[in-house]
Protein backbone atom coordinates (compact mmCIF):
# COMPACT_ATOMS: atom_id res chain seq x y z
CA MET A 1 -0.09 0.00 0.02
CA ALA A 2 2.83 2.33 0.97
CA ALA A 3 4.59 1.61 -2.66
CA LEU A 4 1.03 2.26 -4.21
CA GLY A 5 0.61 5.58 -2.50
CA ALA A 6 4.16 6.61 -3.63
CA VAL A 7 3.40 5.83 -7.12
CA ARG A 8 0.21 7.86 -7.11
CA CYS A 9 2.08 10.76 -5.56
CA TRP A 10 4.81 10.61 -8.24
CA PHE A 11 2.13 10.30 -11.09
CA ARG A 12 0.32 13.40 -9.72
CA SER A 13 3.43 15.34 -9.47
CA TYR A 14 4.38 14.38 -13.05
CA SER A 15 1.02 15.39 -14.32
CA ARG A 16 1.18 18.72 -12.65
CA VAL A 17 4.71 19.40 -14.14
CA LYS A 18 3.50 18.53 -17.60
CA ASN A 19 0.41 20.81 -17.37
CA ALA A 20 2.45 23.65 -16.07
CA GLN A 21 4.90 23.21 -18.91
CA ARG A 22 1.90 22.96 -21.36
CA SER A 23 0.28 26.32 -19.83
CA ARG A 24 3.76 27.99 -19.94
CA GLN A 25 4.02 27.05 -23.76
CA MET A 26 0.56 28.46 -24.43
CA LEU A 27 1.30 31.71 -22.48
CA VAL A 28 4.67 32.20 -24.44
CA THR A 29 2.80 31.55 -27.61
CA CYS A 30 0.06 33.96 -26.89
CA THR A 31 2.40 36.52 -25.65
CA VAL A 32 4.57 36.36 -28.97
CA ARG A 33 1.32 36.65 -30.98
CA THR A 34 0.09 39.52 -28.93
CA LEU A 35 3.47 41.37 -29.34
CA CYS A 36 3.64 40.78 -32.94
CA SER A 37 0.38 42.12 -33.59
CA GLY A 38 1.05 45.17 -31.40
CA THR A 39 4.10 45.79 -33.10
CA GLN A 40 2.29 45.57 -36.48
CA ASP A 41 -0.47 47.99 -35.29
CA ASN A 42 2.32 50.32 -33.94
CA ALA A 43 4.08 50.04 -37.20
CA LEU A 44 0.95 50.98 -39.14
CA SER A 45 0.11 53.91 -36.83
CA ASP A 46 3.78 55.19 -36.97
CA HIS A 47 3.62 54.82 -40.85
CA ALA A 48 0.37 56.78 -40.93
CA LYS A 49 1.57 59.72 -39.07
CA PRO A 50 5.40 60.87 -38.55
CA GLN A 51 6.60 61.61 -34.99
CA PHE A 52 8.36 64.40 -33.49
CA SER A 53 11.49 62.51 -33.08
CA ASP A 54 11.75 60.96 -36.56
CA PRO A 55 14.92 61.80 -38.34
CA ALA A 56 13.13 63.37 -41.39
CA VAL A 57 11.08 65.58 -39.11
CA GLN A 58 13.98 66.52 -37.03
CA ASP A 59 16.03 67.37 -40.15
CA ILE A 60 13.56 69.85 -41.49
CA LEU A 61 12.84 71.33 -38.11
CA THR A 62 16.58 71.82 -37.46
CA ARG A 63 17.05 73.46 -40.94
CA ILE A 64 14.22 75.99 -40.55
CA THR A 65 15.25 76.93 -36.83
CA GLY A 66 18.33 78.68 -38.39
CA LEU A 67 21.61 79.33 -36.72
CA ASP A 68 22.20 82.97 -35.50
CA LEU A 69 25.26 82.93 -33.38
CA GLN A 70 24.47 86.55 -31.89
CA LYS A 71 21.01 85.33 -30.87
CA VAL A 72 22.25 81.89 -29.30
CA PHE A 73 25.04 83.60 -27.38
CA ARG A 74 23.08 86.69 -26.64
CA PRO A 75 24.12 88.35 -23.24
CA ILE A 76 22.32 87.16 -20.17
CA LYS A 77 21.86 88.67 -16.81
CA GLN A 78 24.91 87.50 -14.57
CA LYS A 79 27.49 88.69 -12.15
CA LEU A 80 29.67 91.09 -14.07
CA THR A 81 33.22 89.87 -14.77
CA PRO A 82 36.12 91.68 -16.55
CA PRO A 83 36.10 90.88 -20.27
CA THR A 84 38.83 88.86 -21.99
CA TYR A 85 40.45 90.08 -25.08
CA LYS A 86 42.42 87.77 -27.45
CA LEU A 87 44.48 88.50 -30.48
CA MET A 88 44.02 86.02 -33.07
CA THR A 89 45.11 85.19 -36.64
CA ASP A 90 42.66 84.62 -39.19
CA TYR A 91 43.02 80.86 -38.96
CA GLN A 92 42.59 81.09 -35.08
CA LEU A 93 39.56 83.15 -35.69
CA GLU A 94 38.07 80.59 -38.19
CA GLN A 95 38.65 77.88 -35.67
CA ALA A 96 36.93 79.97 -32.86
CA VAL A 97 34.06 80.45 -35.12
CA GLU A 98 33.83 76.79 -35.94
CA LEU A 99 33.84 75.97 -32.14
CA ALA A 100 31.32 78.55 -31.45
CA THR A 101 29.05 76.92 -34.23
CA GLU A 102 29.24 73.45 -32.77
CA GLN A 103 28.45 74.74 -29.15
CA ALA A 104 25.49 76.75 -30.73
CA GLN A 105 24.31 73.62 -32.34
CA GLN A 106 24.27 71.80 -29.05
CA LEU A 107 22.27 74.58 -27.37
CA LEU A 108 19.88 74.44 -30.28
CA ARG A 109 18.90 70.86 -29.53
CA MET A 110 15.05 70.66 -29.26
CA PRO A 111 13.51 69.49 -26.09
CA PRO A 112 11.20 66.46 -26.45
CA VAL A 113 7.69 66.68 -27.48
CA LEU A 114 5.73 64.02 -25.60
CA PRO A 115 2.10 63.15 -25.18
CA GLU A 116 0.52 63.88 -21.70
CA ARG A 117 1.18 61.20 -19.16
CA LYS A 118 -1.82 59.09 -18.09
CA PRO A 119 -3.16 59.90 -14.45
CA ILE A 120 -2.41 57.77 -11.72
CA ASN A 121 -5.48 56.43 -9.81
CA ASP A 122 -4.15 53.09 -8.33
CA VAL A 123 -5.77 52.25 -4.96
CA LEU A 124 -3.66 49.57 -3.18
CA SER A 125 -5.93 48.91 -0.24
CA ASP A 126 -8.83 50.33 1.84
CA ASP A 127 -8.29 49.53 5.53
CA LYS A 128 -11.25 50.72 7.28
CA ILE A 129 -9.72 50.05 10.55
CA LEU A 130 -7.34 53.04 10.17
CA ASP A 131 -10.16 55.40 9.26
CA GLY A 132 -10.13 58.50 11.50
CA MET A 133 -6.74 57.63 13.34
CA ASP A 134 -5.23 60.72 12.07
CA THR A 135 -6.07 64.01 10.39
CA ALA A 136 -2.81 64.00 8.15
CA LYS A 137 -1.63 62.03 5.22
CA TYR A 138 1.41 59.86 5.58
CA VAL A 139 3.73 59.50 2.65
CA PHE A 140 6.13 56.64 1.91
CA THR A 141 8.85 57.12 -0.52
CA ASP A 142 11.72 54.91 -1.94
CA ILE A 143 14.72 57.01 -1.69
CA THR A 144 17.23 54.52 -3.19
CA TYR A 145 19.61 56.63 -5.49
CA SER A 146 20.04 53.81 -8.24
CA ILE A 147 16.17 53.83 -8.96
CA PRO A 148 15.10 56.00 -11.86
CA HIS A 149 12.40 58.63 -10.75
CA ARG A 150 9.73 57.36 -12.99
CA GLU A 151 10.05 53.86 -11.29
CA ARG A 152 10.41 55.34 -7.78
CA PHE A 153 7.77 53.70 -5.34
CA ILE A 154 5.80 56.39 -3.62
CA VAL A 155 2.52 55.65 -1.83
CA ILE A 156 0.27 57.80 0.40
CA ARG A 157 -1.93 56.68 3.25
CA GLU A 158 -5.09 58.80 3.53
CA PRO A 159 -6.74 59.69 6.78
CA ASN A 160 -9.87 57.47 5.81
CA GLY A 161 -7.44 54.41 5.50
CA ILE A 162 -7.01 54.31 1.69
CA LEU A 163 -3.57 53.47 0.81
CA ARG A 164 -2.95 54.57 -3.05
CA LYS A 165 -0.04 55.48 -5.36
CA ALA A 166 0.96 59.06 -5.47
CA SER A 167 -0.24 61.25 -8.24
CA TRP A 168 2.04 62.81 -10.86
CA GLU A 169 1.98 66.22 -9.20
CA GLU A 170 2.58 64.76 -5.67
CA ARG A 171 5.45 62.60 -7.12
CA ASP A 172 7.05 65.58 -8.72
CA ARG A 173 7.00 67.67 -5.25
CA LEU A 174 8.50 64.54 -3.31
CA ILE A 175 11.08 63.87 -5.67
CA GLN A 176 12.10 67.46 -5.67
CA VAL A 177 12.26 67.40 -1.84
CA TYR A 178 14.62 64.27 -1.72
CA PHE A 179 16.36 64.96 -5.07
CA PRO A 180 16.49 68.68 -5.67
CA LYS A 181 16.85 70.04 -9.27
CA ASP A 182 18.56 73.27 -9.75
CA GLY A 183 16.16 75.86 -10.57
CA ARG A 184 13.01 73.98 -9.87
CA LYS A 185 10.71 74.85 -6.86
CA ILE A 186 8.40 72.75 -5.08
CA THR A 187 5.59 75.11 -5.75
CA ALA A 188 5.41 76.51 -9.32
CA HIS A 189 6.61 80.07 -10.08
CA LEU A 190 3.84 82.80 -10.03
CA ILE A 191 4.88 83.65 -13.58
CA PHE A 192 3.02 80.74 -14.81
CA GLU A 193 -0.38 82.05 -13.65
CA GLU A 194 -2.43 83.26 -16.53
CA GLU A 195 -2.50 86.96 -15.56
CA ASN A 196 1.27 87.01 -15.28
CA LEU A 197 1.79 85.37 -18.39
CA LYS A 198 -0.21 87.96 -20.37
CA ARG A 199 2.23 90.57 -18.91
CA VAL A 200 5.13 88.50 -19.68
CA PHE A 201 4.14 88.00 -23.17
CA SER A 202 3.70 91.72 -23.79
CA GLN A 203 7.21 92.19 -22.97
CA ASP A 204 8.23 89.56 -25.65
CA ARG A 205 9.90 87.15 -23.09
CA HIS A 206 8.38 84.07 -24.49
CA THR A 207 11.59 82.39 -24.66
CA ASP A 208 12.15 83.00 -20.85
CA VAL A 209 8.82 81.51 -20.16
CA LEU A 210 9.69 78.27 -22.17
CA ASP A 211 13.04 77.86 -20.66
CA LEU A 212 11.75 78.31 -17.12
CA CYS A 213 8.82 75.83 -17.94
CA LEU A 214 11.29 72.96 -19.10
CA VAL A 215 13.18 73.38 -15.68
CA GLN A 216 10.06 73.41 -13.54
CA PHE A 217 7.83 70.82 -15.08
CA GLU A 218 8.45 67.53 -16.73
CA PRO A 219 8.06 67.43 -20.67
CA ASP A 220 4.91 65.24 -20.33
CA SER A 221 3.23 66.97 -17.48
CA SER A 222 -0.05 68.77 -18.18
CA GLU A 223 1.20 72.02 -17.01
CA CYS A 224 4.20 71.83 -19.41
CA ILE A 225 1.97 71.17 -22.40
CA ARG A 226 -0.47 73.88 -21.33
CA LEU A 227 2.11 76.58 -21.11
CA HIS A 228 3.82 75.60 -24.44
CA ALA A 229 0.35 75.67 -26.04
CA ALA A 230 -0.21 79.16 -24.63
CA THR A 231 3.08 80.39 -25.59
CA TYR A 232 2.64 79.16 -29.08
CA GLU A 233 -0.87 80.64 -29.35
CA ASP A 234 0.34 84.15 -28.33
CA LEU A 235 3.22 84.01 -30.81
CA ASP A 236 0.86 82.91 -33.71
CA LYS A 237 -1.92 85.37 -32.65
CA HIS A 238 0.57 88.39 -32.84
CA GLY A 239 2.86 86.96 -35.60
CA LYS A 240 5.97 87.15 -33.33
CA TYR A 241 7.53 83.77 -34.80
CA ASP A 242 10.99 85.49 -34.95
CA LEU A 243 11.16 85.59 -31.27
CA LEU A 244 11.85 81.80 -31.19
CA ARG A 245 14.06 81.62 -34.40
CA SER A 246 17.55 80.42 -33.58
CA THR A 247 16.30 79.12 -30.24
CA ARG A 248 15.74 75.43 -29.23
CA HIS A 249 11.92 76.27 -28.99
CA PHE A 250 11.29 77.01 -32.67
CA GLY A 251 10.76 73.47 -33.78
CA GLY A 252 8.49 72.70 -30.97
CA MET A 253 6.34 75.72 -32.22
CA VAL A 254 6.56 74.74 -35.84
CA TRP A 255 5.40 71.15 -34.77
CA TYR A 256 2.38 72.53 -32.84
CA LEU A 257 1.27 74.64 -35.72
CA VAL A 258 1.65 71.97 -38.37
CA ASN A 259 -0.50 69.57 -36.32
CA ALA A 260 -3.13 72.32 -35.77
CA ARG A 261 -3.07 73.14 -39.48
CA ARG A 262 -2.19 76.67 -39.03
CA VAL A 263 0.93 77.44 -40.69
CA ASP A 264 -0.23 80.15 -42.95
CA GLY A 265 1.00 83.02 -40.87
CA LEU A 266 4.40 81.36 -40.40
CA ILE A 267 4.75 80.79 -44.19
CA VAL A 268 4.00 84.50 -44.80
CA ASP A 269 6.41 85.58 -42.27
CA MET A 270 9.10 83.45 -43.93
CA LEU A 271 8.55 84.74 -47.27
CA LYS A 272 8.68 88.32 -46.01
CA ARG A 273 12.09 87.61 -44.45
CA ALA A 274 13.36 86.08 -47.60
CA LEU A 275 13.51 82.47 -46.14
CA PHE A 276 12.07 80.89 -49.26
CA GLN A 277 13.63 77.36 -48.74
CA ASP A 278 12.40 77.43 -45.17
CA ALA A 279 8.77 77.96 -46.34
CA VAL A 280 9.03 75.09 -48.96
CA SER A 281 10.46 72.94 -46.13
CA LEU A 282 7.50 73.82 -43.89
CA VAL A 283 5.04 72.92 -46.53
CA SER A 284 6.73 69.72 -47.11
CA LEU A 285 6.61 68.89 -43.34
CA PHE A 286 2.88 69.75 -43.53
CA HIS A 287 2.32 67.27 -46.35
CA MET A 288 4.32 64.69 -44.19
CA VAL A 289 2.10 65.01 -41.37
CA HIS A 290 -1.00 65.44 -43.33
CA PRO A 291 -0.58 63.09 -46.36
CA HIS A 292 -4.21 62.94 -47.11
CA SER A 293 -4.82 66.63 -47.39
CA GLU A 294 -5.90 67.80 -50.69
CA SER A 295 -2.63 69.87 -51.36
CA ALA A 296 -0.62 66.87 -50.30
CA GLN A 297 -2.24 64.63 -52.81
CA GLU A 298 -2.00 67.34 -55.48
CA ALA A 299 1.63 68.17 -54.86
CA ALA A 300 2.35 64.22 -54.93
CA SER A 301 0.53 63.83 -58.34
CA GLN A 302 2.49 66.69 -59.82
CA GLN A 303 5.75 66.05 -58.09
CA ALA A 304 5.90 69.78 -57.21
CA THR A 305 8.66 71.54 -55.63
CA GLY A 306 9.90 75.05 -54.91
CA THR A 307 7.49 77.70 -55.94
CA ASN A 308 4.87 75.35 -57.35
CA LEU A 309 4.57 73.63 -54.17
CA LEU A 310 3.76 76.82 -52.36
CA LYS A 311 1.40 77.73 -54.90
CA ILE A 312 -0.50 74.44 -54.51
CA TYR A 313 -0.66 74.72 -50.82
CA ALA A 314 -2.08 78.31 -51.05
CA GLN A 315 -4.73 77.19 -53.62
CA LYS A 316 -5.73 73.91 -51.99
CA GLU A 317 -5.15 74.27 -48.26
CA SER A 318 -4.38 77.90 -47.08
CA GLN A 319 -7.03 79.96 -45.24
CA ARG A 320 -5.00 83.01 -46.23
CA SER A 321 -4.25 82.13 -49.70
CA GLY A 322 -4.16 85.79 -50.79
CA PHE A 323 -1.44 86.56 -48.31
CA ILE A 324 0.80 83.95 -49.29
CA GLU A 325 0.36 84.58 -53.05
CA LEU A 326 1.24 88.16 -52.55
CA ALA A 327 4.23 87.42 -50.31
CA LEU A 328 5.34 84.81 -52.96
CA GLN A 329 4.94 87.37 -55.74
CA ALA A 330 6.92 90.05 -53.74
CA TYR A 331 9.68 87.44 -53.12
CA GLU A 332 9.86 86.50 -56.81
CA GLN A 333 10.11 90.28 -57.91
CA THR A 334 12.92 90.78 -55.41
CA ALA A 335 14.82 87.68 -56.47
CA ALA A 336 14.34 88.74 -60.17
CA ALA A 337 15.51 92.27 -59.42
CA LYS A 338 18.66 90.98 -57.65
CA SER A 339 19.56 88.49 -60.64
CA THR A 340 19.21 91.35 -63.13
CA ALA A 341 21.54 93.68 -61.04
CA ALA A 342 24.02 90.79 -60.68
């Protein structure tokens, strides 16, 4: 009987192992299929609409941003120090200019444009026995240095006994307490309030707002996205696009306007400043983002480039076609006059 019982136990254990192996194989198969289908769906969606980080998009945005060394290295308010003068040969001056150009290109690297992060509403437990034990919230934070901030475990015990994960806003404040970031405050600057923003915008300090915004908020936070949108809207409303040209924020403004299908004002501004190639590149980017638009399909059928591309956009897509056509005529007349004089 003892031997029979041992055999039965061995047979049951063997059956459990085989079933576990089969279940594991089925799980792996399903996971692989899910990942493959998800990858295909992502590939289709990515193919349907270019992303801000795509090399082709970055190349266009970098080109139309421009590179003005005087603007990139403009004086800033800081402690006064005696100036340094150097005597250079022509070769040394060329090397210094090349070095400054490389540094300027690094300073003009565009900050990321990310979708808004999803809110955190995870409740871990609801302990009614702790309800009313205290009137304050208790925060528990993992302050291990090697953990990335996005993966850091932070939970909050509410006075009613609920234990939940901290929201993004709470996480940002707590991380700033334990891991301070230079220039960032626990409470946001008063400059970000709507009334103060209007006053700052009237002083043409849009770049200062965006610089401070990137220091204070995470790029995918709702506040950062709201402030960028408000800044771009004010620039587009008053036609002050040149304030961001040759700054790291120009590409983000262009991307915002392209997705909103409101690039008419920027095209007119480029043509008025004799930035013809920038205007052509902007229309090309518009067609990349909106390939099913009437102007994109017409331009593709005609393989239009240069002036023809701008004319097709003005006729098929623009809400201010008259302004674009007049600006384009003025540019063509100026270019013809220069070629005749030469």
